């Protein structure tokens, strides 16, 4: 792990030195005031003081919609991906942890070839951040999984590398770095987000009903979640006898998510809300017991009815939801 200090005045020059490693993307703010990751042909659009983006960086690894197979002349063939190298700059630790979780899902025993191809072309540059009222990550910042991490200090950034690719970049850009004593890491408030309440799992606890009665099944919490990866696979035929098979984002809060030929295995809103909670906080299959909530606060911020699933394990807040 290499260390160096990058002065604030040299940030843009350092970023320009990253362009040979891929197209540079980072946090920007639209004319409507919405923060999001986008290409940076002009570094003046960079907004490193953002709190969180509306859509997480999972969009770089799991596109909203992608062709996966084409059928023609009696056989399916994979669609060759036209991918380019990307340097994704300015990721907060929670989003880096989100990508790390997706790696466990899609690069495990049977890796997803499309995800793997995109992941191999993605360079991750993280940056420390400031917590607000929606955040509940527990840190620490300096262990976030990425290629390069920048810890914000008064007049610049303390840089560390944690991969061979990061070390290569640091070597190329070493002339931008100077020696500096790293400032101590700030203490982050710890929040336990993995529930220790097994009685909630598949139970008739009244808290499920309270939250289900509030939920409007809009799915915003899943769309903006860095670790939600539900997808649907659909085929669209054409008039030549061929068809396209597409993979596109799905949402476990939508009633259509559980529809199958024999009916709907998750027809009620309560069942769908409980499934999301169990998947997010309890995990399943090879990731049984692994909490996939990274504490970014997006779901709490975007929910139109102010649902905060952490309240399911915090009895002190339940009176506000109408429980005795």
Foldseek 3Di string as FASTA:
>chain_A
DDKFWFFPVCVVVLVVLCPVLWFEWEWFADPVGAIDIDTPPDCVRHDLQDQDGLAAPCCLQAPQKDFAWKFDPHDIDGDDDPDIAYEYEAAELLLLLLVVVVCCVQVPPHHDVSNVVSVVRYAYEYEYHDDDPLFAFQDDRVPRDGQKYWYDDDGGTMIDGDDPVSVVSCVSVVVSTDDDDDDDGDHDDHDDQQAPCVCLQVHVPCVLVLVLVLAPLPQSLLRRASNRADWDWDWDDDPVGMITIMIRDDGLSDQCVQQDPVGGPQRGNSSSVSVVSCCQRQNDDPCGRPHSHRRSSSSQVPGPRRDDVSVVRVVVPCVVSPDD
